[in-house]
């Protein structure tokens, strides 16, 4: 009888150990899936909606100027005032979107210079035309990124941890 009790005891210990390991794994998984930061406050969401609307409208105006440039080949000065005024709100409330949009706005001087540069007979060099068209595509993508940021849930702890670990890996 004692031999059976010992085997039963070891089996029960293994079962309890497996249950404890499963509970720990479930707890870690739940913690990793939780948001890394708090959800936006209603005031933060309202400020972000206002900032995104203003910057989106400004990008739309810049894209209209790019269309006019394609038709007339006349250089235009692109707008950036709304992004300068509202960028801090976007950075605070939607950091990932801010990084992309800030890059688009940082390239405006190069785009304006490319629009002004002329080759023989008033033509625009191919390299400059590529700079202009690349910026135009990125500006359209910036609009999509900003609009998506309005409904995006906060990043999970897992995605933040993954991004940090990936940043430490050497790039190819």
N, C-alpha and C. Protein backbone atom coordinates (compact mmCIF):
# COMPACT_ATOMS: atom_id res chain seq x y z
N UNK A 1 0.82 -1.18 0.00
CA UNK A 1 0.00 0.00 0.00
C UNK A 1 0.87 1.26 0.00
N UNK A 2 1.93 1.20 0.71
CA UNK A 2 2.82 2.36 0.78
C UNK A 2 3.46 2.64 -0.57
N UNK A 3 3.80 1.62 -1.33
CA UNK A 3 4.42 1.79 -2.63
C UNK A 3 3.45 2.50 -3.56
N UNK A 4 2.19 2.08 -3.52
CA UNK A 4 1.21 2.75 -4.36
C UNK A 4 1.06 4.21 -3.96
N UNK A 5 1.03 4.51 -2.70
CA UNK A 5 0.89 5.89 -2.22
C UNK A 5 2.05 6.75 -2.66
N UNK A 6 3.27 6.21 -2.70
CA UNK A 6 4.41 6.99 -3.13
C UNK A 6 4.32 7.30 -4.62
N UNK A 7 3.92 6.33 -5.41
CA UNK A 7 3.78 6.59 -6.85
C UNK A 7 2.69 7.61 -7.08
N UNK A 8 1.60 7.45 -6.35
CA UNK A 8 0.50 8.39 -6.49
C UNK A 8 0.95 9.78 -6.08
N UNK A 9 1.74 9.88 -5.05
CA UNK A 9 2.25 11.16 -4.56
C UNK A 9 3.16 11.83 -5.58
N UNK A 10 4.07 11.07 -6.21
CA UNK A 10 4.95 11.65 -7.23
C UNK A 10 4.14 12.13 -8.43
N UNK A 11 3.16 11.34 -8.83
CA UNK A 11 2.31 11.72 -9.96
C UNK A 11 1.54 12.99 -9.66
N UNK A 12 1.05 13.09 -8.42
CA UNK A 12 0.31 14.28 -8.03
C UNK A 12 1.24 15.49 -8.00
N UNK A 13 2.47 15.30 -7.57
CA UNK A 13 3.45 16.40 -7.55
C UNK A 13 3.76 16.90 -8.96
N UNK A 14 3.89 15.94 -9.87
CA UNK A 14 4.15 16.33 -11.26
C UNK A 14 2.95 17.08 -11.85
N UNK A 15 1.77 16.61 -11.53
CA UNK A 15 0.56 17.27 -12.01
C UNK A 15 0.47 18.68 -11.46
N UNK A 16 0.72 18.84 -10.16
CA UNK A 16 0.69 20.18 -9.56
C UNK A 16 1.77 21.08 -10.15
N UNK A 17 2.94 20.51 -10.44
CA UNK A 17 4.01 21.28 -11.07
C UNK A 17 3.63 21.73 -12.47
N UNK A 18 2.97 20.84 -13.22
CA UNK A 18 2.53 21.19 -14.57
C UNK A 18 1.46 22.27 -14.52
N UNK A 19 0.55 22.17 -13.55
CA UNK A 19 -0.50 23.18 -13.39
C UNK A 19 0.13 24.53 -13.03
N UNK A 20 1.11 24.53 -12.14
CA UNK A 20 1.78 25.77 -11.75
C UNK A 20 2.52 26.38 -12.94
N UNK A 21 3.18 25.56 -13.74
CA UNK A 21 3.90 26.06 -14.92
C UNK A 21 2.91 26.65 -15.93
N UNK A 22 1.77 26.00 -16.11
CA UNK A 22 0.75 26.51 -17.04
C UNK A 22 0.18 27.83 -16.53
N UNK A 23 -0.05 27.92 -15.24
CA UNK A 23 -0.57 29.16 -14.66
C UNK A 23 0.44 30.30 -14.81
N UNK A 24 1.71 29.99 -14.60
CA UNK A 24 2.75 31.01 -14.77
C UNK A 24 2.84 31.47 -16.22
N UNK A 25 2.78 30.52 -17.15
CA UNK A 25 2.82 30.87 -18.57
C UNK A 25 1.61 31.72 -18.95
N UNK A 26 0.44 31.38 -18.43
CA UNK A 26 -0.77 32.15 -18.71
C UNK A 26 -0.63 33.56 -18.13
N UNK A 27 -0.09 33.66 -16.94
CA UNK A 27 0.10 34.97 -16.31
C UNK A 27 1.08 35.84 -17.10
N UNK A 28 2.17 35.25 -17.55
CA UNK A 28 3.16 36.00 -18.34
C UNK A 28 2.55 36.42 -19.67
N UNK A 29 1.82 35.52 -20.31
CA UNK A 29 1.18 35.84 -21.58
C UNK A 29 0.17 36.97 -21.41
N UNK A 30 -0.62 36.91 -20.36
CA UNK A 30 -1.60 37.96 -20.10
C UNK A 30 -0.90 39.29 -19.87
N UNK A 31 0.18 39.29 -19.10
CA UNK A 31 0.93 40.52 -18.84
C UNK A 31 1.52 41.09 -20.12
N UNK A 32 2.08 40.21 -20.99
CA UNK A 32 2.68 40.69 -22.24
C UNK A 32 1.65 41.24 -23.21
N UNK A 33 0.43 40.72 -23.16
CA UNK A 33 -0.61 41.19 -24.09
C UNK A 33 -1.27 42.48 -23.63
N UNK A 34 -1.06 42.86 -22.38
CA UNK A 34 -1.67 44.08 -21.85
C UNK A 34 -1.03 45.30 -22.50
N UNK A 35 -1.76 46.42 -22.55
CA UNK A 35 -1.19 47.63 -23.14
C UNK A 35 0.04 48.11 -22.35
N UNK A 36 1.04 48.59 -23.08
CA UNK A 36 2.25 49.09 -22.44
C UNK A 36 2.01 50.45 -21.81
N UNK A 37 1.04 51.18 -22.32
CA UNK A 37 0.72 52.48 -21.75
C UNK A 37 -0.80 52.57 -21.60
N UNK A 38 -1.21 53.56 -20.85
CA UNK A 38 -2.64 53.73 -20.64
C UNK A 38 -3.32 54.19 -21.93
N UNK A 39 -4.58 53.88 -22.03
CA UNK A 39 -5.34 54.35 -23.19
C UNK A 39 -5.41 55.88 -23.13
N UNK A 40 -5.67 56.46 -24.29
CA UNK A 40 -5.78 57.92 -24.35
C UNK A 40 -6.94 58.40 -23.50
N UNK A 41 -6.72 59.53 -22.89
CA UNK A 41 -7.81 60.17 -22.18
C UNK A 41 -8.75 60.80 -23.21
N UNK A 42 -9.98 61.08 -22.83
CA UNK A 42 -10.88 61.76 -23.78
C UNK A 42 -10.31 63.09 -24.27
N UNK A 43 -9.66 63.83 -23.37
CA UNK A 43 -9.06 65.10 -23.78
C UNK A 43 -7.90 64.88 -24.75
N UNK A 44 -7.09 63.85 -24.49
CA UNK A 44 -5.98 63.52 -25.39
C UNK A 44 -6.48 63.08 -26.75
N UNK A 45 -7.56 62.29 -26.77
CA UNK A 45 -8.15 61.85 -28.03
C UNK A 45 -8.70 63.03 -28.81
N UNK A 46 -9.36 63.95 -28.13
CA UNK A 46 -9.91 65.13 -28.80
C UNK A 46 -8.79 66.00 -29.37
N UNK A 47 -7.71 66.17 -28.61
CA UNK A 47 -6.57 66.96 -29.09
C UNK A 47 -5.92 66.29 -30.30
N UNK A 48 -5.81 64.97 -30.25
CA UNK A 48 -5.23 64.24 -31.38
C UNK A 48 -6.12 64.36 -32.61
N UNK A 49 -7.42 64.24 -32.43
CA UNK A 49 -8.33 64.37 -33.57
C UNK A 49 -8.22 65.74 -34.22
N UNK A 50 -8.11 66.78 -33.41
CA UNK A 50 -7.97 68.13 -33.94
C UNK A 50 -6.64 68.27 -34.68
N UNK A 51 -5.56 67.79 -34.08
CA UNK A 51 -4.23 67.91 -34.69
C UNK A 51 -4.16 67.13 -36.01
N UNK A 52 -4.71 65.92 -36.00
CA UNK A 52 -4.69 65.10 -37.22
C UNK A 52 -5.51 65.77 -38.32
N UNK A 53 -6.65 66.34 -37.97
CA UNK A 53 -7.48 67.02 -38.98
C UNK A 53 -6.72 68.19 -39.60
N UNK A 54 -6.04 68.98 -38.77
CA UNK A 54 -5.31 70.14 -39.29
C UNK A 54 -4.14 69.73 -40.17
N UNK A 55 -3.37 68.74 -39.73
CA UNK A 55 -2.21 68.30 -40.50
C UNK A 55 -2.67 67.57 -41.77
N UNK A 56 -3.74 66.80 -41.67
CA UNK A 56 -4.28 66.11 -42.84
C UNK A 56 -4.72 67.12 -43.90
N UNK A 57 -5.37 68.17 -43.47
CA UNK A 57 -5.81 69.22 -44.39
C UNK A 57 -4.60 69.92 -45.03
N UNK A 58 -3.57 70.13 -44.23
CA UNK A 58 -2.36 70.77 -44.76
C UNK A 58 -1.67 69.88 -45.79
N UNK A 59 -1.59 68.59 -45.49
CA UNK A 59 -1.00 67.66 -46.47
C UNK A 59 -1.83 67.60 -47.75
N UNK A 60 -3.15 67.67 -47.61
CA UNK A 60 -4.02 67.68 -48.79
C UNK A 60 -3.74 68.91 -49.65
N UNK A 61 -3.53 70.05 -49.01
CA UNK A 61 -3.20 71.27 -49.77
C UNK A 61 -1.85 71.12 -50.46
N UNK A 62 -0.88 70.55 -49.75
CA UNK A 62 0.44 70.33 -50.36
C UNK A 62 0.34 69.37 -51.55
N UNK A 63 -0.48 68.36 -51.42
CA UNK A 63 -0.65 67.42 -52.53
C UNK A 63 -1.34 68.09 -53.72
N UNK A 64 -2.24 69.01 -53.45
CA UNK A 64 -2.86 69.77 -54.53
C UNK A 64 -1.81 70.62 -55.25
N UNK A 65 -0.91 71.21 -54.48
CA UNK A 65 0.19 71.97 -55.09
C UNK A 65 1.09 71.06 -55.93
N UNK A 66 1.28 69.84 -55.47
CA UNK A 66 2.10 68.89 -56.24
C UNK A 66 1.42 68.54 -57.56
N UNK A 67 0.10 68.45 -57.55
CA UNK A 67 -0.65 68.20 -58.78
C UNK A 67 -0.48 69.37 -59.74
N UNK A 68 -0.54 70.58 -59.20
CA UNK A 68 -0.34 71.76 -60.05
C UNK A 68 1.09 71.78 -60.59
N UNK A 69 2.05 71.35 -59.79
CA UNK A 69 3.43 71.29 -60.26
C UNK A 69 3.56 70.31 -61.42
N UNK A 70 2.90 69.16 -61.30
CA UNK A 70 2.95 68.17 -62.38
C UNK A 70 2.38 68.73 -63.68
N UNK A 71 1.39 69.60 -63.57
CA UNK A 71 0.75 70.15 -64.77
C UNK A 71 1.51 71.34 -65.35
N UNK A 72 2.02 72.20 -64.49
CA UNK A 72 2.62 73.46 -64.96
C UNK A 72 4.14 73.49 -64.91
N UNK A 73 4.74 72.62 -64.11
CA UNK A 73 6.19 72.60 -63.87
C UNK A 73 6.67 73.89 -63.19
N UNK A 74 5.77 74.58 -62.52
CA UNK A 74 6.13 75.76 -61.74
C UNK A 74 6.36 75.33 -60.30
N UNK A 75 7.41 75.84 -59.68
CA UNK A 75 7.73 75.47 -58.30
C UNK A 75 6.75 76.15 -57.34
N UNK A 76 6.45 75.47 -56.24
CA UNK A 76 5.56 76.00 -55.21
C UNK A 76 6.23 75.86 -53.86
N UNK A 77 5.81 76.71 -52.93
CA UNK A 77 6.26 76.62 -51.55
C UNK A 77 5.23 75.78 -50.80
N UNK A 78 5.68 74.69 -50.22
CA UNK A 78 4.78 73.78 -49.51
C UNK A 78 4.54 74.27 -48.09
N UNK A 79 3.35 73.99 -47.59
CA UNK A 79 2.95 74.43 -46.27
C UNK A 79 3.45 73.47 -45.19
N UNK A 80 3.82 74.02 -44.03
CA UNK A 80 4.22 73.17 -42.91
C UNK A 80 3.83 73.76 -41.56
N UNK A 81 3.09 74.85 -41.55
CA UNK A 81 2.74 75.55 -40.31
C UNK A 81 1.89 74.74 -39.36
N UNK A 82 0.91 74.01 -39.87
CA UNK A 82 0.04 73.24 -38.98
C UNK A 82 0.81 72.11 -38.30
N UNK A 83 1.71 71.50 -39.04
CA UNK A 83 2.50 70.41 -38.42
C UNK A 83 3.40 70.99 -37.34
N UNK A 84 3.99 72.15 -37.60
CA UNK A 84 4.84 72.76 -36.58
C UNK A 84 4.04 73.12 -35.34
N UNK A 85 2.80 73.56 -35.53
CA UNK A 85 1.96 73.95 -34.40
C UNK A 85 1.39 72.75 -33.66
N UNK A 86 1.03 71.69 -34.36
CA UNK A 86 0.33 70.55 -33.76
C UNK A 86 1.21 69.31 -33.57
N UNK A 87 2.46 69.38 -33.99
CA UNK A 87 3.34 68.21 -33.92
C UNK A 87 3.53 67.66 -32.52
N UNK A 88 3.55 68.53 -31.53
CA UNK A 88 3.76 68.06 -30.15
C UNK A 88 2.60 67.18 -29.69
N UNK A 89 1.38 67.53 -30.09
CA UNK A 89 0.21 66.71 -29.72
C UNK A 89 0.31 65.34 -30.38
N UNK A 90 0.67 65.33 -31.66
CA UNK A 90 0.79 64.05 -32.37
C UNK A 90 1.90 63.21 -31.76
N UNK A 91 3.01 63.85 -31.43
CA UNK A 91 4.13 63.12 -30.83
C UNK A 91 3.73 62.52 -29.49
N UNK A 92 2.98 63.26 -28.68
CA UNK A 92 2.57 62.77 -27.36
C UNK A 92 1.53 61.66 -27.47
N UNK A 93 0.58 61.80 -28.36
CA UNK A 93 -0.55 60.88 -28.41
C UNK A 93 -0.37 59.73 -29.40
N UNK A 94 0.49 59.91 -30.42
CA UNK A 94 0.68 58.87 -31.44
C UNK A 94 2.13 58.93 -31.94
N UNK A 95 3.04 58.46 -31.11
CA UNK A 95 4.48 58.59 -31.38
C UNK A 95 4.90 57.90 -32.68
N UNK A 96 4.36 56.74 -32.96
CA UNK A 96 4.76 56.02 -34.18
C UNK A 96 4.35 56.79 -35.42
N UNK A 97 3.16 57.34 -35.43
CA UNK A 97 2.70 58.13 -36.58
C UNK A 97 3.54 59.40 -36.70
N UNK A 98 3.88 59.99 -35.57
CA UNK A 98 4.67 61.22 -35.59
C UNK A 98 6.01 61.01 -36.28
N UNK A 99 6.66 59.90 -36.01
CA UNK A 99 7.99 59.66 -36.59
C UNK A 99 7.92 59.66 -38.12
N UNK A 100 6.92 59.01 -38.69
CA UNK A 100 6.80 58.96 -40.15
C UNK A 100 6.46 60.32 -40.72
N UNK A 101 5.49 60.99 -40.11
CA UNK A 101 5.03 62.29 -40.61
C UNK A 101 6.14 63.33 -40.47
N UNK A 102 6.88 63.28 -39.38
CA UNK A 102 7.99 64.22 -39.19
C UNK A 102 9.04 64.06 -40.29
N UNK A 103 9.30 62.81 -40.70
CA UNK A 103 10.25 62.57 -41.78
C UNK A 103 9.75 63.18 -43.09
N UNK A 104 8.46 63.05 -43.36
CA UNK A 104 7.88 63.64 -44.58
C UNK A 104 8.06 65.16 -44.56
N UNK A 105 7.76 65.77 -43.43
CA UNK A 105 7.90 67.23 -43.34
C UNK A 105 9.36 67.67 -43.37
N UNK A 106 10.26 66.86 -42.83
CA UNK A 106 11.68 67.22 -42.85
C UNK A 106 12.24 67.25 -44.27
N UNK A 107 11.61 66.53 -45.18
CA UNK A 107 12.10 66.48 -46.57
C UNK A 107 11.51 67.58 -47.45
N UNK A 108 10.66 68.43 -46.92
CA UNK A 108 10.06 69.50 -47.72
C UNK A 108 11.11 70.40 -48.37
N UNK A 109 12.13 70.87 -47.67
CA UNK A 109 13.11 71.73 -48.34
C UNK A 109 13.77 71.07 -49.56
N UNK A 110 14.08 69.78 -49.46
CA UNK A 110 14.68 69.08 -50.60
C UNK A 110 13.70 68.99 -51.76
N UNK A 111 12.42 68.81 -51.47
CA UNK A 111 11.41 68.73 -52.52
C UNK A 111 11.26 70.09 -53.21
N UNK A 112 11.21 71.15 -52.42
CA UNK A 112 11.10 72.49 -53.00
C UNK A 112 12.30 72.82 -53.88
N UNK A 113 13.48 72.44 -53.43
CA UNK A 113 14.69 72.67 -54.23
C UNK A 113 14.63 71.87 -55.52
N UNK A 114 14.14 70.64 -55.45
CA UNK A 114 14.02 69.81 -56.65
C UNK A 114 13.02 70.40 -57.64
N UNK A 115 11.95 71.02 -57.13
CA UNK A 115 10.97 71.63 -58.03
C UNK A 115 11.56 72.85 -58.73
N UNK A 116 12.46 73.56 -58.06
CA UNK A 116 13.03 74.79 -58.63
C UNK A 116 14.16 74.53 -59.62
N UNK A 117 14.87 73.42 -59.44
CA UNK A 117 16.03 73.14 -60.28
C UNK A 117 15.59 72.84 -61.71
N UNK A 118 16.27 73.44 -62.65
CA UNK A 118 15.92 73.25 -64.06
C UNK A 118 17.12 72.76 -64.84
N UNK A 119 16.82 71.93 -65.83
CA UNK A 119 17.84 71.44 -66.75
C UNK A 119 17.76 72.21 -68.05
N UNK A 120 18.28 71.62 -69.12
CA UNK A 120 18.23 72.29 -70.43
C UNK A 120 16.78 72.52 -70.88
N UNK A 121 16.54 73.67 -71.43
CA UNK A 121 15.22 74.06 -71.96
C UNK A 121 14.13 74.00 -70.88
N UNK A 122 14.50 74.28 -69.65
CA UNK A 122 13.52 74.31 -68.57
C UNK A 122 13.04 72.95 -68.09
N UNK A 123 13.70 71.89 -68.53
CA UNK A 123 13.28 70.55 -68.10
C UNK A 123 13.71 70.30 -66.65
N UNK A 124 13.09 69.33 -66.05
CA UNK A 124 13.44 68.96 -64.67
C UNK A 124 14.23 67.67 -64.74
N UNK A 125 15.42 67.64 -64.13
CA UNK A 125 16.22 66.41 -64.15
C UNK A 125 15.45 65.24 -63.53
N UNK A 126 15.72 64.06 -64.03
CA UNK A 126 15.02 62.86 -63.58
C UNK A 126 15.18 62.65 -62.08
N UNK A 127 16.37 62.89 -61.55
CA UNK A 127 16.60 62.70 -60.10
C UNK A 127 15.68 63.60 -59.29
N UNK A 128 15.52 64.85 -59.75
CA UNK A 128 14.66 65.78 -59.03
C UNK A 128 13.20 65.37 -59.15
N UNK A 129 12.81 64.89 -60.30
CA UNK A 129 11.44 64.44 -60.48
C UNK A 129 11.14 63.24 -59.56
N UNK A 130 12.12 62.36 -59.40
CA UNK A 130 11.94 61.21 -58.51
C UNK A 130 11.79 61.66 -57.05
N UNK A 131 12.57 62.67 -56.65
CA UNK A 131 12.46 63.20 -55.29
C UNK A 131 11.06 63.74 -55.05
N UNK A 132 10.55 64.49 -56.01
CA UNK A 132 9.22 65.09 -55.88
C UNK A 132 8.14 64.01 -55.81
N UNK A 133 8.21 63.04 -56.67
CA UNK A 133 7.18 62.00 -56.71
C UNK A 133 7.26 61.07 -55.50
N UNK A 134 8.46 60.81 -55.02
CA UNK A 134 8.59 59.99 -53.81
C UNK A 134 7.97 60.71 -52.62
N UNK A 135 8.22 62.01 -52.52
CA UNK A 135 7.65 62.78 -51.42
C UNK A 135 6.12 62.78 -51.52
N UNK A 136 5.61 62.91 -52.73
CA UNK A 136 4.17 62.93 -52.93
C UNK A 136 3.55 61.62 -52.44
N UNK A 137 4.15 60.50 -52.77
CA UNK A 137 3.64 59.21 -52.30
C UNK A 137 3.73 59.07 -50.80
N UNK A 138 4.83 59.55 -50.23
CA UNK A 138 4.98 59.47 -48.77
C UNK A 138 4.00 60.40 -48.06
N UNK A 139 3.68 61.55 -48.67
CA UNK A 139 2.70 62.46 -48.07
C UNK A 139 1.32 61.79 -48.02
N UNK A 140 0.98 61.07 -49.08
CA UNK A 140 -0.30 60.34 -49.08
C UNK A 140 -0.30 59.25 -48.01
N UNK A 141 0.82 58.57 -47.86
CA UNK A 141 0.95 57.55 -46.82
C UNK A 141 0.88 58.19 -45.43
N UNK A 142 1.46 59.37 -45.27
CA UNK A 142 1.40 60.08 -43.98
C UNK A 142 -0.04 60.38 -43.61
N UNK A 143 -0.87 60.73 -44.59
CA UNK A 143 -2.28 60.95 -44.31
C UNK A 143 -2.93 59.67 -43.79
N UNK A 144 -2.64 58.55 -44.41
CA UNK A 144 -3.21 57.27 -43.97
C UNK A 144 -2.73 56.91 -42.57
N UNK A 145 -1.44 57.12 -42.32
CA UNK A 145 -0.88 56.80 -41.00
C UNK A 145 -1.53 57.66 -39.92
N UNK A 146 -1.72 58.94 -40.21
CA UNK A 146 -2.35 59.82 -39.22
C UNK A 146 -3.79 59.41 -38.94
N UNK A 147 -4.53 59.10 -39.99
CA UNK A 147 -5.93 58.70 -39.80
C UNK A 147 -6.02 57.39 -39.01
N UNK A 148 -5.10 56.47 -39.29
CA UNK A 148 -5.10 55.19 -38.57
C UNK A 148 -4.74 55.37 -37.10
N UNK A 149 -3.94 56.38 -36.80
CA UNK A 149 -3.52 56.62 -35.42
C UNK A 149 -4.70 57.01 -34.54
N UNK A 150 -5.74 57.54 -35.13
CA UNK A 150 -6.90 57.96 -34.34
C UNK A 150 -7.61 56.79 -33.69
N UNK A 151 -7.61 55.64 -34.34
CA UNK A 151 -8.33 54.49 -33.81
C UNK A 151 -7.42 53.39 -33.28
N UNK A 152 -6.13 53.64 -33.33
CA UNK A 152 -5.17 52.61 -32.93
C UNK A 152 -5.13 52.46 -31.42
N UNK A 153 -5.19 51.23 -30.97
CA UNK A 153 -5.07 50.93 -29.54
C UNK A 153 -3.61 51.06 -29.12
N UNK A 154 -3.36 51.29 -27.84
CA UNK A 154 -1.97 51.37 -27.39
C UNK A 154 -1.22 50.07 -27.67
N UNK A 155 0.06 50.18 -27.91
CA UNK A 155 0.89 49.01 -28.20
C UNK A 155 0.93 48.09 -26.98
N UNK A 156 0.99 46.79 -27.23
CA UNK A 156 1.09 45.83 -26.13
C UNK A 156 2.52 45.80 -25.60
N UNK A 157 2.66 45.28 -24.39
CA UNK A 157 4.01 45.16 -23.82
C UNK A 157 4.87 44.25 -24.70
N UNK A 158 4.24 43.24 -25.29
CA UNK A 158 4.97 42.32 -26.15
C UNK A 158 5.54 43.06 -27.35
N UNK A 159 4.75 43.90 -28.01
CA UNK A 159 5.24 44.60 -29.19
C UNK A 159 6.33 45.60 -28.82
N UNK A 160 6.20 46.24 -27.67
CA UNK A 160 7.25 47.17 -27.21
C UNK A 160 8.54 46.40 -26.94
N UNK A 161 8.42 45.26 -26.24
CA UNK A 161 9.60 44.43 -25.95
C UNK A 161 10.24 43.93 -27.24
N UNK A 162 9.41 43.48 -28.18
CA UNK A 162 9.90 42.99 -29.47
C UNK A 162 10.64 44.10 -30.23
N UNK A 163 10.07 45.29 -30.26
CA UNK A 163 10.71 46.41 -30.96
C UNK A 163 12.05 46.76 -30.32
N UNK A 164 12.12 46.74 -29.00
CA UNK A 164 13.38 47.05 -28.32
C UNK A 164 14.45 45.99 -28.61
N UNK A 165 14.05 44.72 -28.57
CA UNK A 165 15.00 43.66 -28.86
C UNK A 165 15.47 43.73 -30.32
N UNK A 166 14.55 44.01 -31.20
CA UNK A 166 14.90 44.10 -32.63
C UNK A 166 15.84 45.26 -32.91
N UNK A 167 15.67 46.36 -32.16
CA UNK A 167 16.53 47.53 -32.34
C UNK A 167 17.96 47.22 -31.92
N UNK A 168 18.13 46.29 -31.00
CA UNK A 168 19.48 45.94 -30.54
C UNK A 168 20.21 45.01 -31.49
N UNK A 169 19.48 44.33 -32.34
CA UNK A 169 20.13 43.40 -33.29
C UNK A 169 20.89 44.18 -34.34
N UNK A 170 22.03 43.67 -34.75
CA UNK A 170 22.77 44.37 -35.81
C UNK A 170 22.00 44.30 -37.12
N UNK A 171 22.00 45.41 -37.84
CA UNK A 171 21.30 45.41 -39.14
C UNK A 171 22.22 44.84 -40.20
N UNK A 172 21.60 44.30 -41.23
CA UNK A 172 22.38 43.65 -42.29
C UNK A 172 22.95 44.65 -43.22
